[in-house]
């Protein structure tokens, strides 16, 4: 029996990821603050895979609130002996616009949902995994985590903090057979992206607005979501932490065969956040006058 908890599973990528795990033979716990939509997801999956003996646990929770993470994990503990994987997918867009125009309270709200909420889930999931042989955690990255993103300071800063924390947790809990990775899913026409269109080009910036428009106009967005879900599933299916502490792009990286170069990745800083020095660009400032 394999078990997975997926947050933000009432729509978008979370919903597609939940179905990917369920049809692959996993028991799933789906979390969202939209109980009605979550129940519809569970009912649709149960109906679509009616012959499946697998269990779907529906958990109504606003993960930005105190003790929500504990509530989720304790709910699963009442039904399952172990948790094999945790997918921290839930999130919000947060405030859009120049930094000085943003209400500080909205900045804090974004960090609660995008950074502290997944950490809270990890805080209670990790000890459970440690006591039951290990597991896999995947945190969802997003635009601005690996490069600057104007007009999205809260979202970008929170995701950057999450990626660095992912690297640290990977180091700390690898001895316990727990792998912690992050996945950058790519641009998809989700509710978060719709907020960029609503904000408009003047507030979000021409580049961001155009990217959002193109995503909605593209016919391949369902394929992008499916690809991201499969990448998440691949990382959560590891039986040992061969790949851990990495930020994997579901769109650009060759994750389908990642186990073949896992040993190489383990001893390198590939797919990680790092400071670039002059020497990295063949420039030795110390010898230049």
C-alpha atoms as a PDB file:
ATOM      1  CA  UNK A   1       0.000   0.000   0.000  1.00  0.00           C
ATOM      2  CA  UNK A   2       1.429   3.378  -1.077  1.00  0.00           C
ATOM      3  CA  UNK A   3       0.058   6.627   0.273  1.00  0.00           C
ATOM      4  CA  UNK A   4       0.369  10.251  -0.783  1.00  0.00           C
ATOM      5  CA  UNK A   5      -0.950  13.582   0.467  1.00  0.00           C
ATOM      6  CA  UNK A   6      -1.505  16.285  -2.149  1.00  0.00           C
ATOM      7  CA  UNK A   7      -2.357  19.830  -1.103  1.00  0.00           C
ATOM      8  CA  UNK A   8      -4.252  22.237  -3.319  1.00  0.00           C
ATOM      9  CA  UNK A   9      -5.936  19.255  -4.977  1.00  0.00           C
ATOM     10  CA  UNK A  10      -9.329  20.781  -5.713  1.00  0.00           C
ATOM     11  CA  UNK A  11      -8.283  22.193  -9.090  1.00  0.00           C
ATOM     12  CA  UNK A  12      -5.490  22.665 -11.606  1.00  0.00           C
ATOM     13  CA  UNK A  13      -2.231  20.802 -11.222  1.00  0.00           C
ATOM     14  CA  UNK A  14      -3.160  19.419  -7.795  1.00  0.00           C
ATOM     15  CA  UNK A  15      -6.303  17.816  -9.192  1.00  0.00           C
ATOM     16  CA  UNK A  16      -4.459  16.265 -12.140  1.00  0.00           C
ATOM     17  CA  UNK A  17      -1.659  15.047  -9.861  1.00  0.00           C
ATOM     18  CA  UNK A  18      -4.178  13.416  -7.538  1.00  0.00           C
ATOM     19  CA  UNK A  19      -5.681  11.482 -10.429  1.00  0.00           C
ATOM     20  CA  UNK A  20      -2.230  10.451 -11.678  1.00  0.00           C
ATOM     21  CA  UNK A  21      -1.362   8.904  -8.311  1.00  0.00           C
ATOM     22  CA  UNK A  22      -4.800   7.333  -7.859  1.00  0.00           C
ATOM     23  CA  UNK A  23      -4.850   5.640 -11.252  1.00  0.00           C
ATOM     24  CA  UNK A  24      -1.286   4.433 -10.574  1.00  0.00           C
ATOM     25  CA  UNK A  25      -2.460   2.500  -7.529  1.00  0.00           C
ATOM     26  CA  UNK A  26      -1.838   4.897  -4.636  1.00  0.00           C
ATOM     27  CA  UNK A  27      -4.141   5.733  -1.750  1.00  0.00           C
ATOM     28  CA  UNK A  28      -4.518   9.518  -1.765  1.00  0.00           C
ATOM     29  CA  UNK A  29      -5.291  12.259   0.742  1.00  0.00           C
ATOM     30  CA  UNK A  30      -6.405  15.446  -0.977  1.00  0.00           C
ATOM     31  CA  UNK A  31      -6.336  18.785   0.815  1.00  0.00           C
ATOM     32  CA  UNK A  32      -7.991  22.100   0.018  1.00  0.00           C
ATOM     33  CA  UNK A  33      -9.916  24.906   1.680  1.00  0.00           C
ATOM     34  CA  UNK A  34     -12.632  24.461  -0.976  1.00  0.00           C
ATOM     35  CA  UNK A  35     -14.451  21.468   0.482  1.00  0.00           C
ATOM     36  CA  UNK A  36     -17.179  21.315  -2.163  1.00  0.00           C
ATOM     37  CA  UNK A  37     -14.685  21.233  -5.044  1.00  0.00           C
ATOM     38  CA  UNK A  38     -12.575  18.687  -3.173  1.00  0.00           C
ATOM     39  CA  UNK A  39     -15.561  16.396  -2.664  1.00  0.00           C
ATOM     40  CA  UNK A  40     -16.327  16.627  -6.378  1.00  0.00           C
ATOM     41  CA  UNK A  41     -12.778  15.552  -7.183  1.00  0.00           C
ATOM     42  CA  UNK A  42     -13.104  12.561  -4.855  1.00  0.00           C
ATOM     43  CA  UNK A  43     -16.495  11.577  -6.285  1.00  0.00           C
ATOM     44  CA  UNK A  44     -15.252  11.857  -9.873  1.00  0.00           C
ATOM     45  CA  UNK A  45     -12.196   9.715  -9.152  1.00  0.00           C
ATOM     46  CA  UNK A  46     -14.246   7.106  -7.317  1.00  0.00           C
ATOM     47  CA  UNK A  47     -16.688   6.972 -10.221  1.00  0.00           C
ATOM     48  CA  UNK A  48     -14.051   6.927 -12.944  1.00  0.00           C
ATOM     49  CA  UNK A  49     -12.074   4.149 -11.251  1.00  0.00           C
ATOM     50  CA  UNK A  50     -15.024   2.363  -9.671  1.00  0.00           C
ATOM     51  CA  UNK A  51     -13.257  -0.992  -9.472  1.00  0.00           C
ATOM     52  CA  UNK A  52     -10.391   0.442  -7.480  1.00  0.00           C
ATOM     53  CA  UNK A  53     -10.106  -0.608  -3.809  1.00  0.00           C
ATOM     54  CA  UNK A  54      -8.030   2.482  -3.126  1.00  0.00           C
ATOM     55  CA  UNK A  55      -8.929   5.037  -0.473  1.00  0.00           C
ATOM     56  CA  UNK A  56      -9.466   8.765  -0.917  1.00  0.00           C
ATOM     57  CA  UNK A  57      -9.220  10.903   2.209  1.00  0.00           C
ATOM     58  CA  UNK A  58     -10.768  14.364   1.857  1.00  0.00           C
ATOM     59  CA  UNK A  59      -9.297  16.987   4.184  1.00  0.00           C
ATOM     60  CA  UNK A  60     -10.853  20.444   4.403  1.00  0.00           C
ATOM     61  CA  UNK A  61      -8.112  22.825   5.574  1.00  0.00           C
ATOM     62  CA  UNK A  62      -6.802  26.339   5.050  1.00  0.00           C
ATOM     63  CA  UNK A  63      -3.083  25.637   5.313  1.00  0.00           C
ATOM     64  CA  UNK A  64      -2.222  29.268   5.995  1.00  0.00           C
ATOM     65  CA  UNK A  65      -3.882  28.966   9.415  1.00  0.00           C
ATOM     66  CA  UNK A  66      -2.109  27.752  12.586  1.00  0.00           C
ATOM     67  CA  UNK A  67      -2.244  23.990  13.286  1.00  0.00           C
ATOM     68  CA  UNK A  68      -3.615  23.184   9.819  1.00  0.00           C
ATOM     69  CA  UNK A  69      -0.589  21.041   9.010  1.00  0.00           C
ATOM     70  CA  UNK A  70      -0.960  19.090  12.239  1.00  0.00           C
ATOM     71  CA  UNK A  71      -4.656  18.564  11.536  1.00  0.00           C
ATOM     72  CA  UNK A  72      -3.905  17.142   8.076  1.00  0.00           C
ATOM     73  CA  UNK A  73      -1.245  14.707   9.264  1.00  0.00           C
ATOM     74  CA  UNK A  74      -3.244  13.560  12.286  1.00  0.00           C
ATOM     75  CA  UNK A  75      -6.259  12.905  10.049  1.00  0.00           C
ATOM     76  CA  UNK A  76      -4.154  10.644   7.835  1.00  0.00           C
ATOM     77  CA  UNK A  77      -2.558   8.885  10.802  1.00  0.00           C
ATOM     78  CA  UNK A  78      -5.999   7.714  11.910  1.00  0.00           C
ATOM     79  CA  UNK A  79      -6.401   5.842   8.608  1.00  0.00           C
ATOM     80  CA  UNK A  80      -2.910   4.959   7.405  1.00  0.00           C
ATOM     81  CA  UNK A  81       0.129   3.317   8.988  1.00  0.00           C
ATOM     82  CA  UNK A  82       2.586   5.395   6.977  1.00  0.00           C
ATOM     83  CA  UNK A  83       2.901   8.264   4.517  1.00  0.00           C
ATOM     84  CA  UNK A  84       5.042   7.517   1.465  1.00  0.00           C
ATOM     85  CA  UNK A  85       4.856  10.917  -0.195  1.00  0.00           C
ATOM     86  CA  UNK A  86       3.846  14.523   0.388  1.00  0.00           C
ATOM     87  CA  UNK A  87       3.205  16.958  -2.465  1.00  0.00           C
ATOM     88  CA  UNK A  88       3.051  20.594  -1.325  1.00  0.00           C
ATOM     89  CA  UNK A  89       1.161  22.052  -4.258  1.00  0.00           C
ATOM     90  CA  UNK A  90      -1.253  24.525  -2.634  1.00  0.00           C
ATOM     91  CA  UNK A  91      -0.516  28.183  -3.140  1.00  0.00           C
ATOM     92  CA  UNK A  92      -1.697  31.660  -4.053  1.00  0.00           C
ATOM     93  CA  UNK A  93      -0.402  34.325  -6.420  1.00  0.00           C
ATOM     94  CA  UNK A  94      -0.065  36.992  -3.776  1.00  0.00           C
ATOM     95  CA  UNK A  95       0.131  40.746  -4.452  1.00  0.00           C
ATOM     96  CA  UNK A  96       1.124  41.902  -7.924  1.00  0.00           C
ATOM     97  CA  UNK A  97       2.826  45.202  -8.641  1.00  0.00           C
ATOM     98  CA  UNK A  98       5.904  47.270  -7.707  1.00  0.00           C
ATOM     99  CA  UNK A  99       7.228  46.483  -4.236  1.00  0.00           C
ATOM    100  CA  UNK A 100       6.526  49.896  -2.688  1.00  0.00           C
ATOM    101  CA  UNK A 101       2.918  49.796  -3.894  1.00  0.00           C
ATOM    102  CA  UNK A 102       2.169  46.545  -2.058  1.00  0.00           C
ATOM    103  CA  UNK A 103       0.315  46.376   1.243  1.00  0.00           C
ATOM    104  CA  UNK A 104       2.740  44.699   3.712  1.00  0.00           C
ATOM    105  CA  UNK A 105      -0.138  42.621   5.090  1.00  0.00           C
ATOM    106  CA  UNK A 106      -0.647  41.074   1.644  1.00  0.00           C
ATOM    107  CA  UNK A 107       3.059  40.258   1.498  1.00  0.00           C
ATOM    108  CA  UNK A 108       2.760  38.435   4.817  1.00  0.00           C
ATOM    109  CA  UNK A 109      -0.332  36.549   3.645  1.00  0.00           C
ATOM    110  CA  UNK A 110       1.595  35.335   0.605  1.00  0.00           C
ATOM    111  CA  UNK A 111       4.435  34.023   2.761  1.00  0.00           C
ATOM    112  CA  UNK A 112       1.996  32.224   5.044  1.00  0.00           C
ATOM    113  CA  UNK A 113       0.464  30.358   2.107  1.00  0.00           C
ATOM    114  CA  UNK A 114       3.542  29.841  -0.068  1.00  0.00           C
ATOM    115  CA  UNK A 115       6.305  29.277   2.483  1.00  0.00           C
ATOM    116  CA  UNK A 116       5.098  28.617   6.011  1.00  0.00           C
ATOM    117  CA  UNK A 117       2.199  26.350   4.973  1.00  0.00           C
ATOM    118  CA  UNK A 118       4.362  23.761   3.165  1.00  0.00           C
ATOM    119  CA  UNK A 119       6.911  23.950   5.985  1.00  0.00           C
ATOM    120  CA  UNK A 120       4.149  23.239   8.475  1.00  0.00           C
ATOM    121  CA  UNK A 121       3.131  20.173   6.474  1.00  0.00           C
ATOM    122  CA  UNK A 122       6.758  19.012   6.449  1.00  0.00           C
ATOM    123  CA  UNK A 123       7.086  19.652  10.183  1.00  0.00           C
ATOM    124  CA  UNK A 124       4.504  16.955  10.936  1.00  0.00           C
ATOM    125  CA  UNK A 125       5.041  14.663   7.949  1.00  0.00           C
ATOM    126  CA  UNK A 126       8.807  14.233   8.367  1.00  0.00           C
ATOM    127  CA  UNK A 127       8.735  12.667  11.872  1.00  0.00           C
ATOM    128  CA  UNK A 128       6.072  10.238  10.670  1.00  0.00           C
ATOM    129  CA  UNK A 129       8.228   9.288   7.681  1.00  0.00           C
ATOM    130  CA  UNK A 130      11.291   8.948   9.916  1.00  0.00           C
ATOM    131  CA  UNK A 131       9.462   6.432  12.099  1.00  0.00           C
ATOM    132  CA  UNK A 132       8.153   4.385   9.178  1.00  0.00           C
ATOM    133  CA  UNK A 133      11.148   3.905   6.903  1.00  0.00           C
ATOM    134  CA  UNK A 134      11.319   7.166   4.951  1.00  0.00           C
ATOM    135  CA  UNK A 135       9.446   8.824   2.119  1.00  0.00           C
ATOM    136  CA  UNK A 136       9.486  11.517  -0.534  1.00  0.00           C
ATOM    137  CA  UNK A 137       8.498  15.176  -0.391  1.00  0.00           C
ATOM    138  CA  UNK A 138       7.979  17.396  -3.419  1.00  0.00           C
ATOM    139  CA  UNK A 139       7.547  21.153  -3.025  1.00  0.00           C
ATOM    140  CA  UNK A 140       6.188  23.136  -5.963  1.00  0.00           C
ATOM    141  CA  UNK A 141       8.393  25.918  -7.239  1.00  0.00           C
ATOM    142  CA  UNK A 142       7.233  28.783  -9.416  1.00  0.00           C
ATOM    143  CA  UNK A 143       8.232  31.843 -11.395  1.00  0.00           C
ATOM    144  CA  UNK A 144      10.857  33.926  -9.639  1.00  0.00           C
ATOM    145  CA  UNK A 145      12.502  31.155  -7.628  1.00  0.00           C
ATOM    146  CA  UNK A 146      15.506  30.771  -9.906  1.00  0.00           C
ATOM    147  CA  UNK A 147      15.673  34.280 -11.426  1.00  0.00           C
ATOM    148  CA  UNK A 148      14.371  37.773 -10.563  1.00  0.00           C
ATOM    149  CA  UNK A 149      10.716  38.460 -11.337  1.00  0.00           C
ATOM    150  CA  UNK A 150       9.682  42.091 -11.288  1.00  0.00           C
ATOM    151  CA  UNK A 151       6.274  42.950  -9.814  1.00  0.00           C
ATOM    152  CA  UNK A 152       5.985  39.576  -8.052  1.00  0.00           C
ATOM    153  CA  UNK A 153       8.261  40.116  -5.042  1.00  0.00           C
ATOM    154  CA  UNK A 154       6.152  38.205  -2.512  1.00  0.00           C
ATOM    155  CA  UNK A 155       5.575  35.147  -4.689  1.00  0.00           C
ATOM    156  CA  UNK A 156       9.152  35.021  -5.974  1.00  0.00           C
ATOM    157  CA  UNK A 157      10.762  35.558  -2.561  1.00  0.00           C
ATOM    158  CA  UNK A 158       8.543  32.932  -0.889  1.00  0.00           C
ATOM    159  CA  UNK A 159       9.298  30.353  -3.574  1.00  0.00           C
ATOM    160  CA  UNK A 160      13.024  31.097  -3.402  1.00  0.00           C
ATOM    161  CA  UNK A 161      12.932  30.569   0.364  1.00  0.00           C
ATOM    162  CA  UNK A 162      11.051  27.303  -0.163  1.00  0.00           C
ATOM    163  CA  UNK A 163      13.641  26.016  -2.627  1.00  0.00           C
ATOM    164  CA  UNK A 164      16.540  26.790  -0.271  1.00  0.00           C
ATOM    165  CA  UNK A 165      14.667  25.123   2.582  1.00  0.00           C
ATOM    166  CA  UNK A 166      14.096  22.125   0.314  1.00  0.00           C
ATOM    167  CA  UNK A 167      17.865  21.817  -0.107  1.00  0.00           C
ATOM    168  CA  UNK A 168      18.440  22.045   3.634  1.00  0.00           C
ATOM    169  CA  UNK A 169      15.781  19.485   4.540  1.00  0.00           C
ATOM    170  CA  UNK A 170      17.263  17.153   1.952  1.00  0.00           C
ATOM    171  CA  UNK A 171      20.617  17.309   3.737  1.00  0.00           C
ATOM    172  CA  UNK A 172      19.167  16.900   7.203  1.00  0.00           C
ATOM    173  CA  UNK A 173      16.882  13.959   6.503  1.00  0.00           C
ATOM    174  CA  UNK A 174      18.691  11.961   3.819  1.00  0.00           C
ATOM    175  CA  UNK A 175      20.064   9.641   6.571  1.00  0.00           C
ATOM    176  CA  UNK A 176      16.443   8.746   7.355  1.00  0.00           C
ATOM    177  CA  UNK A 177      15.691   7.706   3.761  1.00  0.00           C
ATOM    178  CA  UNK A 178      13.681  10.869   3.096  1.00  0.00           C
ATOM    179  CA  UNK A 179      14.131  12.686  -0.206  1.00  0.00           C
ATOM    180  CA  UNK A 180      13.063  16.323  -0.527  1.00  0.00           C
ATOM    181  CA  UNK A 181      12.909  17.895  -3.977  1.00  0.00           C
ATOM    182  CA  UNK A 182      11.188  20.763  -5.768  1.00  0.00           C
ATOM    183  CA  UNK A 183       9.487  20.815  -9.147  1.00  0.00           C
ATOM    184  CA  UNK A 184       9.053  23.815 -11.422  1.00  0.00           C
ATOM    185  CA  UNK A 185       5.904  22.835 -13.363  1.00  0.00           C
ATOM    186  CA  UNK A 186       6.040  25.435 -16.124  1.00  0.00           C
ATOM    187  CA  UNK A 187       3.510  28.068 -17.176  1.00  0.00           C
ATOM    188  CA  UNK A 188      -0.058  26.757 -17.018  1.00  0.00           C
ATOM    189  CA  UNK A 189      -3.470  28.476 -17.372  1.00  0.00           C
ATOM    190  CA  UNK A 190      -4.410  28.211 -13.707  1.00  0.00           C
ATOM    191  CA  UNK A 191      -6.289  30.497 -11.327  1.00  0.00           C
ATOM    192  CA  UNK A 192      -2.956  32.064 -10.351  1.00  0.00           C
ATOM    193  CA  UNK A 193      -2.203  32.952 -13.950  1.00  0.00           C
ATOM    194  CA  UNK A 194      -5.696  34.368 -14.395  1.00  0.00           C
ATOM    195  CA  UNK A 195      -4.847  36.862 -11.663  1.00  0.00           C
ATOM    196  CA  UNK A 196      -1.988  38.129 -13.824  1.00  0.00           C
ATOM    197  CA  UNK A 197      -4.432  38.842 -16.647  1.00  0.00           C
ATOM    198  CA  UNK A 198      -6.783  40.567 -14.223  1.00  0.00           C
ATOM    199  CA  UNK A 199      -3.938  42.742 -12.903  1.00  0.00           C
ATOM    200  CA  UNK A 200      -3.145  43.860 -16.451  1.00  0.00           C
ATOM    201  CA  UNK A 201       0.095  44.686 -18.232  1.00  0.00           C
ATOM    202  CA  UNK A 202       0.615  47.991 -16.395  1.00  0.00           C
ATOM    203  CA  UNK A 203       0.662  46.314 -12.981  1.00  0.00           C
ATOM    204  CA  UNK A 204       2.101  42.873 -13.796  1.00  0.00           C
ATOM    205  CA  UNK A 205       4.469  44.034 -16.526  1.00  0.00           C
ATOM    206  CA  UNK A 206       4.276  43.501 -20.277  1.00  0.00           C
ATOM    207  CA  UNK A 207       6.373  40.316 -20.216  1.00  0.00           C
ATOM    208  CA  UNK A 208       4.284  38.603 -17.543  1.00  0.00           C
ATOM    209  CA  UNK A 209       1.002  39.690 -19.095  1.00  0.00           C
ATOM    210  CA  UNK A 210       2.011  38.451 -22.534  1.00  0.00           C
ATOM    211  CA  UNK A 211       3.189  35.105 -21.100  1.00  0.00           C
ATOM    212  CA  UNK A 212      -0.177  34.669 -19.370  1.00  0.00           C
ATOM    213  CA  UNK A 213      -2.060  35.459 -22.566  1.00  0.00           C
ATOM    214  CA  UNK A 214       0.055  32.989 -24.545  1.00  0.00           C
ATOM    215  CA  UNK A 215      -0.522  30.262 -21.979  1.00  0.00           C
ATOM    216  CA  UNK A 216      -4.287  30.599 -22.224  1.00  0.00           C
ATOM    217  CA  UNK A 217      -4.109  30.692 -26.029  1.00  0.00           C
ATOM    218  CA  UNK A 218      -1.930  27.571 -26.199  1.00  0.00           C
ATOM    219  CA  UNK A 219      -3.578  24.230 -26.949  1.00  0.00           C
ATOM    220  CA  UNK A 220      -0.871  22.295 -25.141  1.00  0.00           C
ATOM    221  CA  UNK A 221      -1.589  23.412 -21.565  1.00  0.00           C
ATOM    222  CA  UNK A 222      -3.212  20.103 -20.580  1.00  0.00           C
ATOM    223  CA  UNK A 223      -0.068  18.352 -21.766  1.00  0.00           C
ATOM    224  CA  UNK A 224       2.048  20.699 -19.621  1.00  0.00           C
ATOM    225  CA  UNK A 225       0.008  19.835 -16.522  1.00  0.00           C
ATOM    226  CA  UNK A 226       0.168  16.117 -17.251  1.00  0.00           C
ATOM    227  CA  UNK A 227       3.916  16.345 -17.742  1.00  0.00           C
ATOM    228  CA  UNK A 228       4.324  18.141 -14.407  1.00  0.00           C
ATOM    229  CA  UNK A 229       2.140  15.570 -12.639  1.00  0.00           C
ATOM    230  CA  UNK A 230       4.199  12.737 -14.089  1.00  0.00           C
ATOM    231  CA  UNK A 231       7.434  14.443 -12.988  1.00  0.00           C
ATOM    232  CA  UNK A 232       6.076  14.795  -9.444  1.00  0.00           C
ATOM    233  CA  UNK A 233       5.018  11.138  -9.479  1.00  0.00           C
ATOM    234  CA  UNK A 234       8.471  10.085 -10.683  1.00  0.00           C
ATOM    235  CA  UNK A 235      10.203  11.833  -7.776  1.00  0.00           C
ATOM    236  CA  UNK A 236       7.682  10.504  -5.256  1.00  0.00           C
ATOM    237  CA  UNK A 237       8.198   6.935  -6.466  1.00  0.00           C
ATOM    238  CA  UNK A 238      11.823   6.745  -5.348  1.00  0.00           C
ATOM    239  CA  UNK A 239      12.414   3.814  -2.992  1.00  0.00           C
ATOM    240  CA  UNK A 240      15.611   5.444  -1.721  1.00  0.00           C
ATOM    241  CA  UNK A 241      16.719   9.099  -1.705  1.00  0.00           C
ATOM    242  CA  UNK A 242      18.868   8.774  -4.823  1.00  0.00           C
ATOM    243  CA  UNK A 243      17.779  12.209  -6.045  1.00  0.00           C
ATOM    244  CA  UNK A 244      17.273  14.759  -3.280  1.00  0.00           C
ATOM    245  CA  UNK A 245      17.736  18.480  -2.706  1.00  0.00           C
ATOM    246  CA  UNK A 246      17.142  19.348  -6.362  1.00  0.00           C
ATOM    247  CA  UNK A 247      14.961  21.801  -8.267  1.00  0.00           C
ATOM    248  CA  UNK A 248      13.705  19.947 -11.332  1.00  0.00           C
ATOM    249  CA  UNK A 249      12.014  21.639 -14.282  1.00  0.00           C
ATOM    250  CA  UNK A 250       9.180  19.472 -15.543  1.00  0.00           C
ATOM    251  CA  UNK A 251       9.422  21.251 -18.891  1.00  0.00           C
ATOM    252  CA  UNK A 252      13.149  21.429 -19.581  1.00  0.00           C
ATOM    253  CA  UNK A 253      15.000  18.767 -17.565  1.00  0.00           C
ATOM    254  CA  UNK A 254      15.388  15.081 -18.585  1.00  0.00           C
ATOM    255  CA  UNK A 255      13.680  13.802 -15.430  1.00  0.00           C
ATOM    256  CA  UNK A 256      12.204  10.746 -17.154  1.00  0.00           C
ATOM    257  CA  UNK A 257      15.546   8.945 -16.790  1.00  0.00           C
ATOM    258  CA  UNK A 258      16.833  10.834 -13.769  1.00  0.00           C
ATOM    259  CA  UNK A 259      17.773   7.654 -11.912  1.00  0.00           C
ATOM    260  CA  UNK A 260      20.422   6.996 -14.553  1.00  0.00           C
ATOM    261  CA  UNK A 261      22.434  10.048 -13.507  1.00  0.00           C
ATOM    262  CA  UNK A 262      21.361  10.196  -9.850  1.00  0.00           C
ATOM    263  CA  UNK A 263      24.883   9.432  -8.624  1.00  0.00           C
ATOM    264  CA  UNK A 264      26.303  12.297 -10.677  1.00  0.00           C
ATOM    265  CA  UNK A 265      23.670  14.695  -9.352  1.00  0.00           C
ATOM    266  CA  UNK A 266      24.339  13.681  -5.751  1.00  0.00           C
ATOM    267  CA  UNK A 267      27.924  14.924  -5.951  1.00  0.00           C
ATOM    268  CA  UNK A 268      27.233  18.158  -7.843  1.00  0.00           C
ATOM    269  CA  UNK A 269      25.375  21.463  -7.482  1.00  0.00           C
ATOM    270  CA  UNK A 270      23.361  20.851 -10.663  1.00  0.00           C
ATOM    271  CA  UNK A 271      19.666  21.814 -10.246  1.00  0.00           C
ATOM    272  CA  UNK A 272      20.333  23.906  -7.125  1.00  0.00           C
ATOM    273  CA  UNK A 273      20.342  27.600  -6.160  1.00  0.00           C
ATOM    274  CA  UNK A 274      23.890  28.950  -6.063  1.00  0.00           C
ATOM    275  CA  UNK A 275      25.837  32.220  -6.159  1.00  0.00           C
ATOM    276  CA  UNK A 276      27.753  32.679  -9.416  1.00  0.00           C
ATOM    277  CA  UNK A 277      31.347  33.832  -8.981  1.00  0.00           C
ATOM    278  CA  UNK A 278      33.655  35.475 -11.562  1.00  0.00           C
ATOM    279  CA  UNK A 279      35.551  32.183 -11.795  1.00  0.00           C
ATOM    280  CA  UNK A 280      32.355  30.462 -12.907  1.00  0.00           C
ATOM    281  CA  UNK A 281      32.419  32.741 -15.925  1.00  0.00           C
ATOM    282  CA  UNK A 282      36.146  32.349 -16.550  1.00  0.00           C
ATOM    283  CA  UNK A 283      36.893  35.720 -14.974  1.00  0.00           C
ATOM    284  CA  UNK A 284      39.435  35.839 -12.159  1.00  0.00           C
ATOM    285  CA  UNK A 285      38.975  39.263 -10.564  1.00  0.00           C
ATOM    286  CA  UNK A 286      41.790  38.681  -8.097  1.00  0.00           C
ATOM    287  CA  UNK A 287      44.410  38.748 -10.845  1.00  0.00           C
ATOM    288  CA  UNK A 288      42.890  41.599 -12.816  1.00  0.00           C
ATOM    289  CA  UNK A 289      44.229  45.142 -12.336  1.00  0.00           C
END
